[in-house]
C-alpha atoms as a PDB file:
ATOM      1  CA  ARG A   1     -26.750   8.859-107.085  1.00  0.00           C
ATOM      2  CA  ASN A   2     -24.435  12.005-108.205  1.00  0.00           C
ATOM      3  CA  PHE A   3     -21.857  10.554-110.681  1.00  0.00           C
ATOM      4  CA  ASP A   4     -19.134  12.355-111.303  1.00  0.00           C
ATOM      5  CA  ALA A   5     -18.412  13.959-114.519  1.00  0.00           C
ATOM      6  CA  ALA A   6     -16.740  11.013-117.424  1.00  0.00           C
ATOM      7  CA  ILE A   7     -13.552  12.088-119.420  1.00  0.00           C
ATOM      8  CA  ILE A   8     -13.711  10.560-122.641  1.00  0.00           C
ATOM      9  CA  VAL A   9     -11.169   9.687-124.493  1.00  0.00           C
ATOM     10  CA  ASP A  10     -11.260   7.969-128.124  1.00  0.00           C
ATOM     11  CA  VAL A  11      -8.710   6.196-129.694  1.00  0.00           C
ATOM     12  CA  LEU A  12      -7.598   3.489-132.042  1.00  0.00           C
ATOM     13  CA  ASP A  13      -6.109   0.410-131.466  1.00  0.00           C
ATOM     14  CA  LEU A  14      -3.400   0.917-129.824  1.00  0.00           C
ATOM     15  CA  GLU A  15      -2.438  -2.739-128.708  1.00  0.00           C
ATOM     16  CA  ARG A  16      -2.230  -2.815-132.405  1.00  0.00           C
ATOM     17  CA  LEU A  17      -0.982  -0.546-133.949  1.00  0.00           C
ATOM     18  CA  ALA A  18       1.442   0.699-131.971  1.00  0.00           C
ATOM     19  CA  PRO A  19       2.248  -1.881-129.957  1.00  0.00           C
ATOM     20  CA  ASP A  20       5.587  -0.198-127.752  1.00  0.00           C
ATOM     21  CA  LEU A  21       3.752   2.322-127.486  1.00  0.00           C
ATOM     22  CA  PHE A  22       0.582   0.483-126.366  1.00  0.00           C
ATOM     23  CA  TYR A  23       2.705  -1.286-123.879  1.00  0.00           C
ATOM     24  CA  GLY A  24       4.477   1.785-122.304  1.00  0.00           C
ATOM     25  CA  LEU A  25       1.320   3.493-121.996  1.00  0.00           C
ATOM     26  CA  HIS A  26      -0.209   0.071-119.691  1.00  0.00           C
ATOM     27  CA  LYS A  27       2.569   0.176-117.734  1.00  0.00           C
ATOM     28  CA  LEU A  28       2.087   3.453-116.596  1.00  0.00           C
ATOM     29  CA  ILE A  29      -1.838   2.984-115.960  1.00  0.00           C
ATOM     30  CA  GLN A  30      -1.340  -0.132-114.303  1.00  0.00           C
ATOM     31  CA  ARG A  31       0.754   1.817-111.843  1.00  0.00           C
ATOM     32  CA  ASP A  32      -1.635   5.301-111.361  1.00  0.00           C
ATOM     33  CA  ARG A  33      -5.016   3.784-111.794  1.00  0.00           C
ATOM     34  CA  PHE A  34      -7.270   0.823-112.111  1.00  0.00           C
ATOM     35  CA  ASP A  35      -7.293  -0.524-115.132  1.00  0.00           C
ATOM     36  CA  HIS A  36     -10.037  -2.798-117.144  1.00  0.00           C
ATOM     37  CA  VAL A  37     -11.930  -4.181-119.914  1.00  0.00           C
ATOM     38  CA  ALA A  38     -15.477  -3.624-120.677  1.00  0.00           C
ATOM     39  CA  VAL A  39     -17.839  -5.416-123.750  1.00  0.00           C
ATOM     40  CA  ASP A  40     -21.289  -3.646-124.953  1.00  0.00           C
ATOM     41  CA  ILE A  41     -23.072  -6.194-126.508  1.00  0.00           C
ATOM     42  CA  GLU A  42     -26.285  -5.412-128.367  1.00  0.00           C
ATOM     43  CA  ARG A  43     -28.810  -7.518-130.332  1.00  0.00           C
ATOM     44  CA  GLU A  44     -31.711  -7.221-131.678  1.00  0.00           C
ATOM     45  CA  GLY A  45     -31.663  -3.474-129.737  1.00  0.00           C
ATOM     46  CA  ARG A  46     -31.133  -4.838-126.047  1.00  0.00           C
ATOM     47  CA  PHE A  47     -27.603  -4.684-124.808  1.00  0.00           C
ATOM     48  CA  LEU A  48     -26.306  -7.417-122.132  1.00  0.00           C
ATOM     49  CA  LEU A  49     -25.468  -6.055-118.451  1.00  0.00           C
ATOM     50  CA  VAL A  50     -24.632  -7.856-115.571  1.00  0.00           C
ATOM     51  CA  GLU A  51     -26.542  -7.293-112.576  1.00  0.00           C
ATOM     52  CA  GLU A  52     -24.048  -7.904-109.274  1.00  0.00           C
ATOM     53  CA  THR A  53     -23.126  -7.270-105.623  1.00  0.00           C
ATOM     54  CA  THR A  54     -20.820  -4.102-104.631  1.00  0.00           C
ATOM     55  CA  ASP A  55     -20.378  -2.091-101.135  1.00  0.00           C
ATOM     56  CA  GLU A  56     -23.528  -0.282-102.740  1.00  0.00           C
ATOM     57  CA  GLY A  57     -25.093  -2.528-102.948  1.00  0.00           C
ATOM     58  CA  ILE A  58     -26.784  -4.066-106.219  1.00  0.00           C
ATOM     59  CA  ARG A  59     -25.671  -2.035-109.405  1.00  0.00           C
ATOM     60  CA  TYR A  60     -25.419  -2.985-113.109  1.00  0.00           C
ATOM     61  CA  ASN A  61     -23.163  -2.782-115.685  1.00  0.00           C
ATOM     62  CA  GLN A  62     -21.516  -4.246-118.720  1.00  0.00           C
ATOM     63  CA  PRO A  63     -19.845  -7.238-118.282  1.00  0.00           C
ATOM     64  CA  ALA A  64     -16.356  -6.206-117.218  1.00  0.00           C
ATOM     65  CA  GLY A  65     -13.017  -6.335-115.572  1.00  0.00           C
ATOM     66  CA  HIS A  66      -9.441  -6.427-114.667  1.00  0.00           C
ATOM     67  CA  LEU A  67      -6.597  -7.671-116.587  1.00  0.00           C
ATOM     68  CA  ASP A  68      -4.808 -10.767-115.432  1.00  0.00           C
ATOM     69  CA  ASP A  69      -0.779 -10.754-115.389  1.00  0.00           C
ATOM     70  CA  GLY A  70       0.289 -10.754-119.394  1.00  0.00           C
ATOM     71  CA  GLU A  71      -2.661 -10.942-120.737  1.00  0.00           C
ATOM     72  CA  SER A  72      -3.956  -9.137-123.184  1.00  0.00           C
ATOM     73  CA  LEU A  73      -6.962  -6.358-123.826  1.00  0.00           C
ATOM     74  CA  VAL A  74      -8.572  -8.638-125.777  1.00  0.00           C
ATOM     75  CA  ASP A  75      -8.545 -11.850-123.619  1.00  0.00           C
ATOM     76  CA  ALA A  76      -9.344 -10.276-121.098  1.00  0.00           C
ATOM     77  CA  CYS A  77     -12.543  -9.062-122.571  1.00  0.00           C
ATOM     78  CA  VAL A  78     -13.560 -12.236-124.036  1.00  0.00           C
ATOM     79  CA  ARG A  79     -12.698 -14.455-120.639  1.00  0.00           C
ATOM     80  CA  GLU A  80     -14.576 -11.709-118.344  1.00  0.00           C
ATOM     81  CA  THR A  81     -17.574 -11.553-120.469  1.00  0.00           C
ATOM     82  CA  LEU A  82     -17.511 -16.025-120.728  1.00  0.00           C
ATOM     83  CA  GLU A  83     -17.326 -15.998-116.254  1.00  0.00           C
ATOM     84  CA  GLU A  84     -19.936 -13.009-116.430  1.00  0.00           C
ATOM     85  CA  THR A  85     -22.229 -13.829-118.657  1.00  0.00           C
ATOM     86  CA  ALA A  86     -21.580 -17.536-119.551  1.00  0.00           C
ATOM     87  CA  TYR A  87     -21.413 -16.415-123.102  1.00  0.00           C
ATOM     88  CA  THR A  88     -18.749 -16.332-125.676  1.00  0.00           C
ATOM     89  CA  PHE A  89     -17.548 -13.261-126.586  1.00  0.00           C
ATOM     90  CA  VAL A  90     -16.061 -12.203-130.495  1.00  0.00           C
ATOM     91  CA  PRO A  91     -14.411  -8.456-130.059  1.00  0.00           C
ATOM     92  CA  GLU A  92     -15.186  -6.957-133.545  1.00  0.00           C
ATOM     93  CA  TYR A  93     -13.459  -3.510-132.684  1.00  0.00           C
ATOM     94  CA  VAL A  94     -12.716  -0.599-129.817  1.00  0.00           C
ATOM     95  CA  LEU A  95     -15.323   1.459-128.898  1.00  0.00           C
ATOM     96  CA  GLY A  96     -13.336   3.563-126.543  1.00  0.00           C
ATOM     97  CA  ILE A  97     -10.685   4.198-123.837  1.00  0.00           C
ATOM     98  CA  TYR A  98     -12.931   5.879-121.440  1.00  0.00           C
ATOM     99  CA  GLN A  99     -11.274   7.561-117.648  1.00  0.00           C
ATOM    100  CA  TRP A 100     -13.978   8.204-114.584  1.00  0.00           C
ATOM    101  CA  TYR A 101     -12.475   9.283-111.189  1.00  0.00           C
ATOM    102  CA  SER A 102     -14.534   8.072-108.847  1.00  0.00           C
ATOM    103  CA  HIS A 103     -14.301  10.416-105.341  1.00  0.00           C
ATOM    104  CA  ARG A 104     -15.934   8.170-103.431  1.00  0.00           C
ATOM    105  CA  VAL A 105     -13.599   5.380-103.104  1.00  0.00           C
ATOM    106  CA  ASP A 106     -10.691   8.082-104.673  1.00  0.00           C
ATOM    107  CA  THR A 107      -9.884   5.832-107.820  1.00  0.00           C
ATOM    108  CA  THR A 108      -9.510   6.534-111.138  1.00  0.00           C
ATOM    109  CA  TYR A 109     -10.991   4.305-113.398  1.00  0.00           C
ATOM    110  CA  LEU A 110      -9.554   3.555-116.618  1.00  0.00           C
ATOM    111  CA  ARG A 111     -11.947   1.313-119.155  1.00  0.00           C
ATOM    112  CA  PHE A 112     -11.112  -0.097-122.669  1.00  0.00           C
ATOM    113  CA  ALA A 113     -14.586  -1.181-123.922  1.00  0.00           C
ATOM    114  CA  PHE A 114     -15.188  -3.574-127.189  1.00  0.00           C
ATOM    115  CA  GLY A 115     -17.977  -3.756-129.130  1.00  0.00           C
ATOM    116  CA  GLY A 116     -18.733  -7.450-131.057  1.00  0.00           C
ATOM    117  CA  HIS A 117     -21.444 -10.194-130.615  1.00  0.00           C
ATOM    118  CA  VAL A 118     -21.816 -13.024-128.690  1.00  0.00           C
ATOM    119  CA  THR A 119     -21.515 -16.377-130.018  1.00  0.00           C
ATOM    120  CA  GLN A 120     -22.689 -19.439-127.419  1.00  0.00           C
ATOM    121  CA  TYR A 121     -24.277 -19.619-124.789  1.00  0.00           C
ATOM    122  CA  ASP A 122     -23.410 -22.239-121.310  1.00  0.00           C
ATOM    123  CA  PRO A 123     -26.244 -22.117-119.143  1.00  0.00           C
ATOM    124  CA  GLU A 124     -25.230 -24.436-116.558  1.00  0.00           C
ATOM    125  CA  ARG A 125     -22.409 -22.454-116.575  1.00  0.00           C
ATOM    126  CA  LYS A 126     -21.346 -21.077-112.932  1.00  0.00           C
ATOM    127  CA  LEU A 127     -21.300 -16.973-112.720  1.00  0.00           C
ATOM    128  CA  ASP A 128     -18.652 -14.786-111.081  1.00  0.00           C
ATOM    129  CA  THR A 129     -18.568 -14.688-108.016  1.00  0.00           C
ATOM    130  CA  GLY A 130     -20.899 -11.723-107.367  1.00  0.00           C
ATOM    131  CA  ILE A 131     -22.901 -11.391-110.223  1.00  0.00           C
ATOM    132  CA  LEU A 132     -26.621 -12.315-109.425  1.00  0.00           C
ATOM    133  CA  GLN A 133     -27.354 -12.853-113.534  1.00  0.00           C
ATOM    134  CA  ALA A 134     -26.411 -11.450-116.989  1.00  0.00           C
ATOM    135  CA  THR A 135     -29.900 -10.280-118.628  1.00  0.00           C
ATOM    136  CA  TRP A 136     -30.534  -8.505-121.612  1.00  0.00           C
ATOM    137  CA  TYR A 137     -32.542  -5.045-121.614  1.00  0.00           C
ATOM    138  CA  SER A 138     -33.592  -2.015-124.189  1.00  0.00           C
ATOM    139  CA  VAL A 139     -31.900   1.516-123.977  1.00  0.00           C
ATOM    140  CA  ASP A 140     -35.251   2.681-122.165  1.00  0.00           C
ATOM    141  CA  GLU A 141     -35.178  -0.135-119.605  1.00  0.00           C
ATOM    142  CA  ILE A 142     -31.025   0.409-118.661  1.00  0.00           C
ATOM    143  CA  ASN A 143     -32.228   4.790-118.404  1.00  0.00           C
ATOM    144  CA  GLN A 144     -34.594   3.946-116.182  1.00  0.00           C
ATOM    145  CA  MET A 145     -32.228   2.178-113.712  1.00  0.00           C
ATOM    146  CA  HIS A 146     -29.541   4.359-114.480  1.00  0.00           C
ATOM    147  CA  HIS A 147     -29.339   5.703-110.748  1.00  0.00           C
ATOM    148  CA  ARG A 148     -28.169   1.801-110.467  1.00  0.00           C
ATOM    149  CA  HIS A 149     -25.137   1.605-112.526  1.00  0.00           C
ATOM    150  CA  ARG A 150     -21.986   0.481-111.201  1.00  0.00           C
ATOM    151  CA  SER A 151     -20.865   4.010-113.286  1.00  0.00           C
ATOM    152  CA  PRO A 152     -21.278   6.577-115.532  1.00  0.00           C
ATOM    153  CA  LEU A 153     -19.244   4.565-117.758  1.00  0.00           C
ATOM    154  CA  VAL A 154     -22.414   2.624-118.699  1.00  0.00           C
ATOM    155  CA  MET A 155     -24.286   4.958-120.783  1.00  0.00           C
ATOM    156  CA  GLN A 156     -21.526   6.493-121.675  1.00  0.00           C
ATOM    157  CA  CYS A 157     -20.497   3.261-123.911  1.00  0.00           C
ATOM    158  CA  ILE A 158     -23.855   2.516-124.444  1.00  0.00           C
ATOM    159  CA  HIS A 159     -24.280   6.138-126.045  1.00  0.00           C
ATOM    160  CA  ASP A 160     -20.985   5.880-128.096  1.00  0.00           C
ATOM    161  CA  HIS A 161     -22.579   2.195-129.218  1.00  0.00           C
ATOM    162  CA  LEU A 162     -25.344   4.502-130.216  1.00  0.00           C
ATOM    163  CA  ALA A 163     -23.676   7.359-132.216  1.00  0.00           C
ATOM    164  CA  GLY A 164     -21.908   4.521-134.650  1.00  0.00           C
ATOM    165  CA  LYS A 165     -18.595   4.609-132.887  1.00  0.00           C
ATOM    166  CA  ARG A 166     -16.135   2.397-133.933  1.00  0.00           C
ATOM    167  CA  TYR A 167     -12.510   1.224-134.139  1.00  0.00           C
ATOM    168  CA  PRO A 168     -11.132  -1.528-135.728  1.00  0.00           C
END
């Protein structure tokens, strides 16, 4: 699969440090782009990914999704992680803000990625529609299935995590 280049923009936690600026930026983004949150969770050298059905077939992604009206970025990443993996996510830092343009669907995606850890797991919880399973994978396993990633941002987030990128 030929991915478009990802443009990576690292920023500090604007929501906390400059709420007025963040609110204005977020409103502008909502008009012109598809914005979403994603979480990067590593445990004992393995990363949590979801296997999901898409219009391109089965793809792999970090737990991710849209923001509900009035929802903060932090609340959205906690909610999306629970809905897609049945794990309770505790965000600890901003990994980065990523922009990717998909020629296939003529859409710009803006990803607010958070890192942290998971606490509880609810094996009885039904996962979101379209999510087949959530599984822990090694970096080698994730690299081997790169042709089935939802976007190039999957690997970019993992590379940034491994490089130690963290914003409070």
